[in-house]
Amino acid sequence: MSRSTNAVLLSALVLPGAGHLYLKHVPRGMVFIAVSLACLWAIVNSALQQATIVLDQLESGEAALDASHISELVAQTSGSSGSSIATFVLVGCWLAGMVDAYRLGKQEAKTQGQV
């Protein structure tokens, strides 16, 4: 398997930027990794806040313990646009990381005379 294919697979299946590290483009890879981890942190943090709100309402007795009512509570608390922006940025970062890793791998193969 070529280095560009390995780099794309690492970026696609592990984390954006992993393919860059494999290709020894460390600064660019670290940027992709940092942005991805920041987005993942924002998404998880938002989910934990939503879960805390719903659990507090269930614990205090304000909400009934049935699935339809819990679904309504989750829908009411999921109005934050921060997690949707973070999701959009994460997906964009993932795609850009894969494309860039492929491009760098192909460029490396050309400079070494391997097509």
PDB file of N, CA and C in Angstrom:
ATOM      1  N   MET A   1       0.847  -1.170   0.000  1.00  0.00           N
ATOM      2  CA  MET A   1       0.000   0.000   0.000  1.00  0.00           C
ATOM      3  C   MET A   1       0.897   1.239   0.000  1.00  0.00           C
ATOM      4  N   SER A   2       0.487   2.272  -0.736  1.00  0.00           N
ATOM      5  CA  SER A   2       1.318   3.469  -0.839  1.00  0.00           C
ATOM      6  C   SER A   2       1.227   4.307   0.436  1.00  0.00           C
ATOM      7  N   ARG A   3       2.203   5.182   0.594  1.00  0.00           N
ATOM      8  CA  ARG A   3       2.225   6.048   1.782  1.00  0.00           C
ATOM      9  C   ARG A   3       1.033   6.998   1.795  1.00  0.00           C
ATOM     10  N   SER A   4       0.597   7.449   0.613  1.00  0.00           N
ATOM     11  CA  SER A   4      -0.563   8.345   0.577  1.00  0.00           C
ATOM     12  C   SER A   4      -1.825   7.616   1.033  1.00  0.00           C
ATOM     13  N   THR A   5      -1.974   6.364   0.640  1.00  0.00           N
ATOM     14  CA  THR A   5      -3.133   5.578   1.072  1.00  0.00           C
ATOM     15  C   THR A   5      -3.087   5.336   2.575  1.00  0.00           C
ATOM     16  N   ASN A   6      -1.907   4.996   3.086  1.00  0.00           N
ATOM     17  CA  ASN A   6      -1.773   4.804   4.533  1.00  0.00           C
ATOM     18  C   ASN A   6      -2.095   6.088   5.289  1.00  0.00           C
ATOM     19  N   ALA A   7      -1.630   7.222   4.773  1.00  0.00           N
ATOM     20  CA  ALA A   7      -1.885   8.504   5.430  1.00  0.00           C
ATOM     21  C   ALA A   7      -3.372   8.833   5.448  1.00  0.00           C
ATOM     22  N   VAL A   8      -4.056   8.575   4.341  1.00  0.00           N
ATOM     23  CA  VAL A   8      -5.500   8.836   4.279  1.00  0.00           C
ATOM     24  C   VAL A   8      -6.244   7.927   5.250  1.00  0.00           C
ATOM     25  N   LEU A   9      -5.867   6.660   5.292  1.00  0.00           N
ATOM     26  CA  LEU A   9      -6.530   5.737   6.212  1.00  0.00           C
ATOM     27  C   LEU A   9      -6.310   6.132   7.669  1.00  0.00           C
ATOM     28  N   LEU A  10      -5.105   6.569   8.000  1.00  0.00           N
ATOM     29  CA  LEU A  10      -4.853   7.028   9.368  1.00  0.00           C
ATOM     30  C   LEU A  10      -5.690   8.258   9.693  1.00  0.00           C
ATOM     31  N   SER A  11      -5.752   9.207   8.745  1.00  0.00           N
ATOM     32  CA  SER A  11      -6.548  10.416   8.988  1.00  0.00           C
ATOM     33  C   SER A  11      -8.033  10.111   9.049  1.00  0.00           C
ATOM     34  N   ALA A  12      -8.483   9.123   8.269  1.00  0.00           N
ATOM     35  CA  ALA A  12      -9.911   8.810   8.236  1.00  0.00           C
ATOM     36  C   ALA A  12     -10.349   7.968   9.421  1.00  0.00           C
ATOM     37  N   LEU A  13      -9.519   7.007   9.821  1.00  0.00           N
ATOM     38  CA  LEU A  13      -9.957   6.031  10.817  1.00  0.00           C
ATOM     39  C   LEU A  13      -9.459   6.306  12.230  1.00  0.00           C
ATOM     40  N   VAL A  14      -8.396   7.075  12.379  1.00  0.00           N
ATOM     41  CA  VAL A  14      -7.857   7.340  13.708  1.00  0.00           C
ATOM     42  C   VAL A  14      -8.257   8.736  14.161  1.00  0.00           C
ATOM     43  N   LEU A  15      -7.679   9.738  13.538  1.00  0.00           N
ATOM     44  CA  LEU A  15      -7.936  11.135  13.905  1.00  0.00           C
ATOM     45  C   LEU A  15      -7.352  12.015  12.820  1.00  0.00           C
ATOM     46  N   PRO A  16      -8.037  13.098  12.472  1.00  0.00           N
ATOM     47  CA  PRO A  16      -7.432  14.002  11.498  1.00  0.00           C
ATOM     48  C   PRO A  16      -6.068  14.472  12.002  1.00  0.00           C
ATOM     49  N   GLY A  17      -5.086  14.402  11.149  1.00  0.00           N
ATOM     50  CA  GLY A  17      -3.727  14.769  11.530  1.00  0.00           C
ATOM     51  C   GLY A  17      -2.831  13.576  11.739  1.00  0.00           C
ATOM     52  N   ALA A  18      -3.396  12.399  11.969  1.00  0.00           N
ATOM     53  CA  ALA A  18      -2.578  11.200  12.172  1.00  0.00           C
ATOM     54  C   ALA A  18      -1.809  10.856  10.900  1.00  0.00           C
ATOM     55  N   GLY A  19      -2.433  11.051   9.765  1.00  0.00           N
ATOM     56  CA  GLY A  19      -1.754  10.808   8.498  1.00  0.00           C
ATOM     57  C   GLY A  19      -0.615  11.781   8.267  1.00  0.00           C
ATOM     58  N   HIS A  20      -0.788  13.009   8.734  1.00  0.00           N
ATOM     59  CA  HIS A  20       0.270  14.012   8.609  1.00  0.00           C
ATOM     60  C   HIS A  20       1.474  13.624   9.464  1.00  0.00           C
ATOM     61  N   LEU A  21       1.198  13.121  10.652  1.00  0.00           N
ATOM     62  CA  LEU A  21       2.295  12.672  11.508  1.00  0.00           C
ATOM     63  C   LEU A  21       3.022  11.505  10.853  1.00  0.00           C
ATOM     64  N   TYR A  22       2.285  10.604  10.221  1.00  0.00           N
ATOM     65  CA  TYR A  22       2.872   9.472   9.514  1.00  0.00           C
ATOM     66  C   TYR A  22       3.786   9.956   8.382  1.00  0.00           C
ATOM     67  N   LEU A  23       3.373  11.034   7.713  1.00  0.00           N
ATOM     68  CA  LEU A  23       4.158  11.591   6.608  1.00  0.00           C
ATOM     69  C   LEU A  23       5.236  12.561   7.089  1.00  0.00           C
ATOM     70  N   LYS A  24       5.353  12.703   8.404  1.00  0.00           N
ATOM     71  CA  LYS A  24       6.350  13.568   9.043  1.00  0.00           C
ATOM     72  C   LYS A  24       6.103  15.058   8.777  1.00  0.00           C
ATOM     73  N   HIS A  25       4.854  15.439   8.664  1.00  0.00           N
ATOM     74  CA  HIS A  25       4.436  16.835   8.597  1.00  0.00           C
ATOM     75  C   HIS A  25       3.822  17.173   9.960  1.00  0.00           C
ATOM     76  N   VAL A  26       4.674  17.225  10.958  1.00  0.00           N
ATOM     77  CA  VAL A  26       4.233  17.311  12.351  1.00  0.00           C
ATOM     78  C   VAL A  26       3.464  18.596  12.666  1.00  0.00           C
ATOM     79  N   PRO A  27       3.944  19.785  12.294  1.00  0.00           N
ATOM     80  CA  PRO A  27       3.179  20.987  12.668  1.00  0.00           C
ATOM     81  C   PRO A  27       1.759  20.997  12.100  1.00  0.00           C
ATOM     82  N   ARG A  28       1.621  20.625  10.846  1.00  0.00           N
ATOM     83  CA  ARG A  28       0.298  20.603  10.227  1.00  0.00           C
ATOM     84  C   ARG A  28      -0.571  19.527  10.878  1.00  0.00           C
ATOM     85  N   GLY A  29       0.020  18.386  11.169  1.00  0.00           N
ATOM     86  CA  GLY A  29      -0.720  17.326  11.830  1.00  0.00           C
ATOM     87  C   GLY A  29      -1.196  17.731  13.213  1.00  0.00           C
ATOM     88  N   MET A  30      -0.340  18.434  13.949  1.00  0.00           N
ATOM     89  CA  MET A  30      -0.722  18.884  15.294  1.00  0.00           C
ATOM     90  C   MET A  30      -1.870  19.895  15.243  1.00  0.00           C
ATOM     91  N   VAL A  31      -1.906  20.723  14.207  1.00  0.00           N
ATOM     92  CA  VAL A  31      -3.017  21.677  14.060  1.00  0.00           C
ATOM     93  C   VAL A  31      -4.319  20.912  13.837  1.00  0.00           C
ATOM     94  N   PHE A  32      -4.297  19.932  12.932  1.00  0.00           N
ATOM     95  CA  PHE A  32      -5.503  19.132  12.691  1.00  0.00           C
ATOM     96  C   PHE A  32      -5.939  18.400  13.961  1.00  0.00           C
ATOM     97  N   ILE A  33      -4.992  17.839  14.681  1.00  0.00           N
ATOM     98  CA  ILE A  33      -5.313  17.115  15.916  1.00  0.00           C
ATOM     99  C   ILE A  33      -5.895  18.064  16.961  1.00  0.00           C
ATOM    100  N   ALA A  34      -5.294  19.239  17.119  1.00  0.00           N
ATOM    101  CA  ALA A  34      -5.768  20.197  18.121  1.00  0.00           C
ATOM    102  C   ALA A  34      -7.189  20.669  17.809  1.00  0.00           C
ATOM    103  N   VAL A  35      -7.454  20.990  16.549  1.00  0.00           N
ATOM    104  CA  VAL A  35      -8.802  21.445  16.172  1.00  0.00           C
ATOM    105  C   VAL A  35      -9.813  20.320  16.384  1.00  0.00           C
ATOM    106  N   SER A  36      -9.449  19.101  16.005  1.00  0.00           N
ATOM    107  CA  SER A  36     -10.358  17.957  16.163  1.00  0.00           C
ATOM    108  C   SER A  36     -10.668  17.685  17.626  1.00  0.00           C
ATOM    109  N   LEU A  37      -9.632  17.696  18.451  1.00  0.00           N
ATOM    110  CA  LEU A  37      -9.858  17.433  19.874  1.00  0.00           C
ATOM    111  C   LEU A  37     -10.660  18.549  20.536  1.00  0.00           C
ATOM    112  N   ALA A  38     -10.444  19.795  20.119  1.00  0.00           N
ATOM    113  CA  ALA A  38     -11.239  20.904  20.664  1.00  0.00           C
ATOM    114  C   ALA A  38     -12.713  20.750  20.286  1.00  0.00           C
ATOM    115  N   CYS A  39     -12.974  20.353  19.057  1.00  0.00           N
ATOM    116  CA  CYS A  39     -14.356  20.139  18.625  1.00  0.00           C
ATOM    117  C   CYS A  39     -14.987  18.971  19.368  1.00  0.00           C
ATOM    118  N   LEU A  40     -14.240  17.884  19.510  1.00  0.00           N
ATOM    119  CA  LEU A  40     -14.765  16.740  20.259  1.00  0.00           C
ATOM    120  C   LEU A  40     -15.056  17.114  21.708  1.00  0.00           C
ATOM    121  N   TRP A  41     -14.174  17.914  22.315  1.00  0.00           N
ATOM    122  CA  TRP A  41     -14.409  18.366  23.684  1.00  0.00           C
ATOM    123  C   TRP A  41     -15.687  19.194  23.765  1.00  0.00           C
ATOM    124  N   ALA A  42     -15.903  20.095  22.801  1.00  0.00           N
ATOM    125  CA  ALA A  42     -17.102  20.933  22.812  1.00  0.00           C
ATOM    126  C   ALA A  42     -18.366  20.089  22.662  1.00  0.00           C
ATOM    127  N   ILE A  43     -18.325  19.088  21.815  1.00  0.00           N
ATOM    128  CA  ILE A  43     -19.490  18.224  21.599  1.00  0.00           C
ATOM    129  C   ILE A  43     -19.796  17.413  22.856  1.00  0.00           C
ATOM    130  N   VAL A  44     -18.774  16.816  23.446  1.00  0.00           N
ATOM    131  CA  VAL A  44     -18.972  16.011  24.661  1.00  0.00           C
ATOM    132  C   VAL A  44     -19.424  16.889  25.822  1.00  0.00           C
ATOM    133  N   ASN A  45     -18.839  18.072  25.951  1.00  0.00           N
ATOM    134  CA  ASN A  45     -19.218  18.991  27.016  1.00  0.00           C
ATOM    135  C   ASN A  45     -20.691  19.395  26.886  1.00  0.00           C
ATOM    136  N   SER A  46     -21.128  19.685  25.679  1.00  0.00           N
ATOM    137  CA  SER A  46     -22.525  20.044  25.451  1.00  0.00           C
ATOM    138  C   SER A  46     -23.459  18.878  25.798  1.00  0.00           C
ATOM    139  N   ALA A  47     -23.067  17.670  25.416  1.00  0.00           N
ATOM    140  CA  ALA A  47     -23.891  16.498  25.724  1.00  0.00           C
ATOM    141  C   ALA A  47     -23.975  16.263  27.231  1.00  0.00           C
ATOM    142  N   LEU A  48     -22.858  16.458  27.919  1.00  0.00           N
ATOM    143  CA  LEU A  48     -22.868  16.291  29.376  1.00  0.00           C
ATOM    144  C   LEU A  48     -23.740  17.342  30.060  1.00  0.00           C
ATOM    145  N   GLN A  49     -23.711  18.562  29.566  1.00  0.00           N
ATOM    146  CA  GLN A  49     -24.571  19.607  30.134  1.00  0.00           C
ATOM    147  C   GLN A  49     -26.045  19.263  29.935  1.00  0.00           C
ATOM    148  N   GLN A  50     -26.387  18.781  28.743  1.00  0.00           N
ATOM    149  CA  GLN A  50     -27.768  18.389  28.472  1.00  0.00           C
ATOM    150  C   GLN A  50     -28.186  17.238  29.381  1.00  0.00           C
ATOM    151  N   ALA A  51     -27.324  16.264  29.527  1.00  0.00           N
ATOM    152  CA  ALA A  51     -27.636  15.114  30.378  1.00  0.00           C
ATOM    153  C   ALA A  51     -27.807  15.545  31.830  1.00  0.00           C
ATOM    154  N   THR A  52     -26.989  16.475  32.284  1.00  0.00           N
ATOM    155  CA  THR A  52     -27.090  16.962  33.659  1.00  0.00           C
ATOM    156  C   THR A  52     -28.424  17.664  33.902  1.00  0.00           C
ATOM    157  N   ILE A  53     -28.851  18.460  32.946  1.00  0.00           N
ATOM    158  CA  ILE A  53     -30.133  19.170  33.084  1.00  0.00           C
ATOM    159  C   ILE A  53     -31.291  18.175  33.166  1.00  0.00           C
ATOM    160  N   VAL A  54     -31.283  17.200  32.275  1.00  0.00           N
ATOM    161  CA  VAL A  54     -32.361  16.206  32.262  1.00  0.00           C
ATOM    162  C   VAL A  54     -32.335  15.374  33.543  1.00  0.00           C
ATOM    163  N   LEU A  55     -31.151  14.947  33.963  1.00  0.00           N
ATOM    164  CA  LEU A  55     -31.054  14.146  35.187  1.00  0.00           C
ATOM    165  C   LEU A  55     -31.472  14.933  36.422  1.00  0.00           C
ATOM    166  N   ASP A  56     -31.131  16.224  36.472  1.00  0.00           N
ATOM    167  CA  ASP A  56     -31.558  17.048  37.603  1.00  0.00           C
ATOM    168  C   ASP A  56     -33.078  17.149  37.664  1.00  0.00           C
ATOM    169  N   GLN A  57     -33.712  17.294  36.509  1.00  0.00           N
ATOM    170  CA  GLN A  57     -35.176  17.368  36.481  1.00  0.00           C
ATOM    171  C   GLN A  57     -35.797  16.034  36.889  1.00  0.00           C
ATOM    172  N   LEU A  58     -35.193  14.951  36.449  1.00  0.00           N
ATOM    173  CA  LEU A  58     -35.718  13.629  36.840  1.00  0.00           C
ATOM    174  C   LEU A  58     -35.520  13.385  38.326  1.00  0.00           C
ATOM    175  N   GLU A  59     -34.376  13.783  38.837  1.00  0.00           N
ATOM    176  CA  GLU A  59     -34.069  13.561  40.250  1.00  0.00           C
ATOM    177  C   GLU A  59     -34.957  14.400  41.166  1.00  0.00           C
ATOM    178  N   SER A  60     -35.276  15.618  40.758  1.00  0.00           N
ATOM    179  CA  SER A  60     -36.090  16.493  41.604  1.00  0.00           C
ATOM    180  C   SER A  60     -37.581  16.146  41.543  1.00  0.00           C
ATOM    181  N   GLY A  61     -37.958  15.294  40.613  1.00  0.00           N
ATOM    182  CA  GLY A  61     -39.363  14.908  40.507  1.00  0.00           C
ATOM    183  C   GLY A  61     -40.153  15.794  39.571  1.00  0.00           C
ATOM    184  N   GLU A  62     -39.499  16.748  38.900  1.00  0.00           N
ATOM    185  CA  GLU A  62     -40.194  17.626  37.961  1.00  0.00           C
ATOM    186  C   GLU A  62     -40.621  16.878  36.704  1.00  0.00           C
ATOM    187  N   ALA A  63     -39.985  15.771  36.422  1.00  0.00           N
ATOM    188  CA  ALA A  63     -40.266  15.031  35.196  1.00  0.00           C
ATOM    189  C   ALA A  63     -40.615  13.586  35.542  1.00  0.00           C
ATOM    190  N   ALA A  64     -41.500  13.041  34.738  1.00  0.00           N
ATOM    191  CA  ALA A  64     -41.909  11.647  34.932  1.00  0.00           C
ATOM    192  C   ALA A  64     -40.867  10.720  34.303  1.00  0.00           C
ATOM    193  N   LEU A  65     -40.792   9.526  34.849  1.00  0.00           N
ATOM    194  CA  LEU A  65     -39.839   8.539  34.356  1.00  0.00           C
ATOM    195  C   LEU A  65     -40.447   7.698  33.243  1.00  0.00           C
ATOM    196  N   ASP A  66     -40.857   8.331  32.157  1.00  0.00           N
ATOM    197  CA  ASP A  66     -41.296   7.558  31.004  1.00  0.00           C
ATOM    198  C   ASP A  66     -40.531   8.058  29.777  1.00  0.00           C
ATOM    199  N   ALA A  67     -40.403   7.190  28.812  1.00  0.00           N
ATOM    200  CA  ALA A  67     -39.530   7.450  27.664  1.00  0.00           C
ATOM    201  C   ALA A  67     -39.976   8.665  26.855  1.00  0.00           C
ATOM    202  N   SER A  68     -41.263   8.846  26.671  1.00  0.00           N
ATOM    203  CA  SER A  68     -41.731   9.968  25.856  1.00  0.00           C
ATOM    204  C   SER A  68     -41.440  11.309  26.544  1.00  0.00           C
ATOM    205  N   HIS A  69     -41.625  11.352  27.849  1.00  0.00           N
ATOM    206  CA  HIS A  69     -41.356  12.600  28.573  1.00  0.00           C
ATOM    207  C   HIS A  69     -39.847  12.907  28.594  1.00  0.00           C
ATOM    208  N   ILE A  70     -39.031  11.892  28.757  1.00  0.00           N
ATOM    209  CA  ILE A  70     -37.581  12.087  28.734  1.00  0.00           C
ATOM    210  C   ILE A  70     -37.145  12.546  27.347  1.00  0.00           C
ATOM    211  N   SER A  71     -37.750  12.005  26.293  1.00  0.00           N
ATOM    212  CA  SER A  71     -37.440  12.437  24.929  1.00  0.00           C
ATOM    213  C   SER A  71     -37.768  13.915  24.731  1.00  0.00           C
ATOM    214  N   GLU A  72     -38.894  14.340  25.281  1.00  0.00           N
ATOM    215  CA  GLU A  72     -39.266  15.757  25.199  1.00  0.00           C
ATOM    216  C   GLU A  72     -38.253  16.636  25.923  1.00  0.00           C
ATOM    217  N   LEU A  73     -37.824  16.200  27.111  1.00  0.00           N
ATOM    218  CA  LEU A  73     -36.830  16.970  27.868  1.00  0.00           C
ATOM    219  C   LEU A  73     -35.512  17.084  27.102  1.00  0.00           C
ATOM    220  N   VAL A  74     -35.096  15.995  26.494  1.00  0.00           N
ATOM    221  CA  VAL A  74     -33.856  16.016  25.719  1.00  0.00           C
ATOM    222  C   VAL A  74     -34.002  16.953  24.526  1.00  0.00           C
ATOM    223  N   ALA A  75     -35.144  16.912  23.862  1.00  0.00           N
ATOM    224  CA  ALA A  75     -35.376  17.794  22.715  1.00  0.00           C
ATOM    225  C   ALA A  75     -35.377  19.263  23.141  1.00  0.00           C
ATOM    226  N   GLN A  76     -35.921  19.554  24.318  1.00  0.00           N
ATOM    227  CA  GLN A  76     -35.961  20.929  24.811  1.00  0.00           C
ATOM    228  C   GLN A  76     -34.571  21.450  25.154  1.00  0.00           C
ATOM    229  N   THR A  77     -33.712  20.598  25.668  1.00  0.00           N
ATOM    230  CA  THR A  77     -32.385  21.045  26.086  1.00  0.00           C
ATOM    231  C   THR A  77     -31.363  21.015  24.954  1.00  0.00           C
ATOM    232  N   SER A  78     -31.712  20.448  23.809  1.00  0.00           N
ATOM    233  CA  SER A  78     -30.734  20.316  22.733  1.00  0.00           C
ATOM    234  C   SER A  78     -30.746  21.498  21.779  1.00  0.00           C
ATOM    235  N   GLY A  79     -31.077  22.656  22.227  1.00  0.00           N
ATOM    236  CA  GLY A  79     -31.149  23.828  21.367  1.00  0.00           C
ATOM    237  C   GLY A  79     -29.847  24.584  21.208  1.00  0.00           C
ATOM    238  N   SER A  80     -28.730  24.097  21.746  1.00  0.00           N
ATOM    239  CA  SER A  80     -27.488  24.857  21.663  1.00  0.00           C
ATOM    240  C   SER A  80     -26.876  24.730  20.282  1.00  0.00           C
ATOM    241  N   SER A  81     -26.481  25.873  19.730  1.00  0.00           N
ATOM    242  CA  SER A  81     -25.865  25.868  18.407  1.00  0.00           C
ATOM    243  C   SER A  81     -24.362  25.625  18.495  1.00  0.00           C
ATOM    244  N   GLY A  82     -23.796  25.684  19.696  1.00  0.00           N
ATOM    245  CA  GLY A  82     -22.363  25.472  19.852  1.00  0.00           C
ATOM    246  C   GLY A  82     -21.926  24.082  19.459  1.00  0.00           C
ATOM    247  N   SER A  83     -22.710  23.088  19.835  1.00  0.00           N
ATOM    248  CA  SER A  83     -22.326  21.718  19.481  1.00  0.00           C
ATOM    249  C   SER A  83     -22.526  21.458  17.997  1.00  0.00           C
ATOM    250  N   SER A  84     -23.522  22.086  17.384  1.00  0.00           N
ATOM    251  CA  SER A  84     -23.712  21.875  15.945  1.00  0.00           C
ATOM    252  C   SER A  84     -22.602  22.561  15.149  1.00  0.00           C
ATOM    253  N   ILE A  85     -22.134  23.705  15.612  1.00  0.00           N
ATOM    254  CA  ILE A  85     -21.004  24.356  14.958  1.00  0.00           C
ATOM    255  C   ILE A  85     -19.749  23.505  15.123  1.00  0.00           C
ATOM    256  N   ALA A  86     -19.543  22.973  16.318  1.00  0.00           N
ATOM    257  CA  ALA A  86     -18.383  22.121  16.569  1.00  0.00           C
ATOM    258  C   ALA A  86     -18.452  20.860  15.709  1.00  0.00           C
ATOM    259  N   THR A  87     -19.637  20.309  15.538  1.00  0.00           N
ATOM    260  CA  THR A  87     -19.799  19.127  14.685  1.00  0.00           C
ATOM    261  C   THR A  87     -19.462  19.457  13.242  1.00  0.00           C
ATOM    262  N   PHE A  88     -19.946  20.584  12.767  1.00  0.00           N
ATOM    263  CA  PHE A  88     -19.660  21.016  11.394  1.00  0.00           C
ATOM    264  C   PHE A  88     -18.164  21.228  11.187  1.00  0.00           C
ATOM    265  N   VAL A  89     -17.513  21.875  12.142  1.00  0.00           N
ATOM    266  CA  VAL A  89     -16.068  22.107  12.041  1.00  0.00           C
ATOM    267  C   VAL A  89     -15.310  20.783  12.106  1.00  0.00           C
ATOM    268  N   LEU A  90     -15.739  19.870  12.961  1.00  0.00           N
ATOM    269  CA  LEU A  90     -15.077  18.569  13.069  1.00  0.00           C
ATOM    270  C   LEU A  90     -15.174  17.791  11.758  1.00  0.00           C
ATOM    271  N   VAL A  91     -16.338  17.760  11.157  1.00  0.00           N
ATOM    272  CA  VAL A  91     -16.508  17.050   9.881  1.00  0.00           C
ATOM    273  C   VAL A  91     -15.643  17.699   8.798  1.00  0.00           C
ATOM    274  N   GLY A  92     -15.639  19.031   8.760  1.00  0.00           N
ATOM    275  CA  GLY A  92     -14.798  19.736   7.791  1.00  0.00           C
ATOM    276  C   GLY A  92     -13.327  19.454   8.004  1.00  0.00           C
ATOM    277  N   CYS A  93     -12.910  19.431   9.255  1.00  0.00           N
ATOM    278  CA  CYS A  93     -11.521  19.149   9.596  1.00  0.00           C
ATOM    279  C   CYS A  93     -11.161  17.724   9.195  1.00  0.00           C
ATOM    280  N   TRP A  94     -12.075  16.788   9.433  1.00  0.00           N
ATOM    281  CA  TRP A  94     -11.822  15.392   9.086  1.00  0.00           C
ATOM    282  C   TRP A  94     -11.643  15.245   7.570  1.00  0.00           C
ATOM    283  N   LEU A  95     -12.540  15.868   6.802  1.00  0.00           N
ATOM    284  CA  LEU A  95     -12.436  15.789   5.341  1.00  0.00           C
ATOM    285  C   LEU A  95     -11.183  16.488   4.829  1.00  0.00           C
ATOM    286  N   ALA A  96     -10.908  17.672   5.354  1.00  0.00           N
ATOM    287  CA  ALA A  96      -9.716  18.406   4.932  1.00  0.00           C
ATOM    288  C   ALA A  96      -8.446  17.639   5.290  1.00  0.00           C
ATOM    289  N   GLY A  97      -8.438  17.003   6.444  1.00  0.00           N
ATOM    290  CA  GLY A  97      -7.276  16.214   6.850  1.00  0.00           C
ATOM    291  C   GLY A  97      -7.026  15.042   5.920  1.00  0.00           C
ATOM    292  N   MET A  98      -8.099  14.382   5.494  1.00  0.00           N
ATOM    293  CA  MET A  98      -7.941  13.254   4.583  1.00  0.00           C
ATOM    294  C   MET A  98      -7.444  13.717   3.212  1.00  0.00           C
ATOM    295  N   VAL A  99      -8.034  14.769   2.696  1.00  0.00           N
ATOM    296  CA  VAL A  99      -7.631  15.280   1.382  1.00  0.00           C
ATOM    297  C   VAL A  99      -6.191  15.782   1.424  1.00  0.00           C
ATOM    298  N   ASP A 100      -5.849  16.520   2.464  1.00  0.00           N
ATOM    299  CA  ASP A 100      -4.505  17.066   2.565  1.00  0.00           C
ATOM    300  C   ASP A 100      -3.464  15.963   2.758  1.00  0.00           C
ATOM    301  N   ALA A 101      -3.780  14.946   3.540  1.00  0.00           N
ATOM    302  CA  ALA A 101      -2.848  13.831   3.731  1.00  0.00           C
ATOM    303  C   ALA A 101      -2.625  13.096   2.413  1.00  0.00           C
ATOM    304  N   TYR A 102      -3.678  12.904   1.643  1.00  0.00           N
ATOM    305  CA  TYR A 102      -3.540  12.260   0.333  1.00  0.00           C
ATOM    306  C   TYR A 102      -2.670  13.107  -0.589  1.00  0.00           C
ATOM    307  N   ARG A 103      -2.944  14.410  -0.608  1.00  0.00           N
ATOM    308  CA  ARG A 103      -2.183  15.318  -1.460  1.00  0.00           C
ATOM    309  C   ARG A 103      -0.708  15.319  -1.083  1.00  0.00           C
ATOM    310  N   LEU A 104      -0.420  15.385   0.199  1.00  0.00           N
ATOM    311  CA  LEU A 104       0.979  15.378   0.652  1.00  0.00           C
ATOM    312  C   LEU A 104       1.662  14.047   0.329  1.00  0.00           C
ATOM    313  N   GLY A 105       0.934  12.935   0.481  1.00  0.00           N
ATOM    314  CA  GLY A 105       1.496  11.631   0.157  1.00  0.00           C
ATOM    315  C   GLY A 105       1.814  11.496  -1.315  1.00  0.00           C
ATOM    316  N   LYS A 106       0.916  11.974  -2.176  1.00  0.00           N
ATOM    317  CA  LYS A 106       1.162  11.933  -3.618  1.00  0.00           C
ATOM    318  C   LYS A 106       2.320  12.846  -4.003  1.00  0.00           C
ATOM    319  N   GLN A 107       2.378  14.017  -3.369  1.00  0.00           N
ATOM    320  CA  GLN A 107       3.461  14.955  -3.643  1.00  0.00           C
ATOM    321  C   GLN A 107       4.804  14.339  -3.233  1.00  0.00           C
ATOM    322  N   GLU A 108       4.825  13.660  -2.104  1.00  0.00           N
ATOM    323  CA  GLU A 108       6.043  12.985  -1.641  1.00  0.00           C
ATOM    324  C   GLU A 108       6.456  11.883  -2.605  1.00  0.00           C
ATOM    325  N   ALA A 109       5.481  11.139  -3.121  1.00  0.00           N
ATOM    326  CA  ALA A 109       5.779  10.056  -4.057  1.00  0.00           C
ATOM    327  C   ALA A 109       6.350  10.610  -5.371  1.00  0.00           C
ATOM    328  N   LYS A 110       5.832  11.763  -5.823  1.00  0.00           N
ATOM    329  CA  LYS A 110       6.352  12.377  -7.046  1.00  0.00           C
ATOM    330  C   LYS A 110       7.779  12.823  -6.878  1.00  0.00           C
ATOM    331  N   THR A 111       8.101  13.420  -5.733  1.00  0.00           N
ATOM    332  CA  THR A 111       9.458  13.915  -5.515  1.00  0.00           C
ATOM    333  C   THR A 111      10.466  12.776  -5.382  1.00  0.00           C
ATOM    334  N   GLN A 112       9.975  11.600  -4.967  1.00  0.00           N
ATOM    335  CA  GLN A 112      10.862  10.440  -4.835  1.00  0.00           C
ATOM    336  C   GLN A 112      10.863   9.584  -6.099  1.00  0.00           C
ATOM    337  N   GLY A 113      10.104  10.009  -7.106  1.00  0.00           N
ATOM    338  CA  GLY A 113      10.084   9.286  -8.362  1.00  0.00           C
ATOM    339  C   GLY A 113       9.162   8.100  -8.401  1.00  0.00           C
ATOM    340  N   GLN A 114       8.297   7.941  -7.408  1.00  0.00           N
ATOM    341  CA  GLN A 114       7.329   6.847  -7.369  1.00  0.00           C
ATOM    342  C   GLN A 114       5.972   7.389  -7.766  1.00  0.00           C
ATOM    343  N   VAL A 115       5.421   6.938  -8.834  1.00  0.00           N
ATOM    344  CA  VAL A 115       4.103   7.417  -9.242  1.00  0.00           C
ATOM    345  C   VAL A 115       3.082   6.428  -8.900  1.00  0.00           C
TER     346      VAL A 115
END
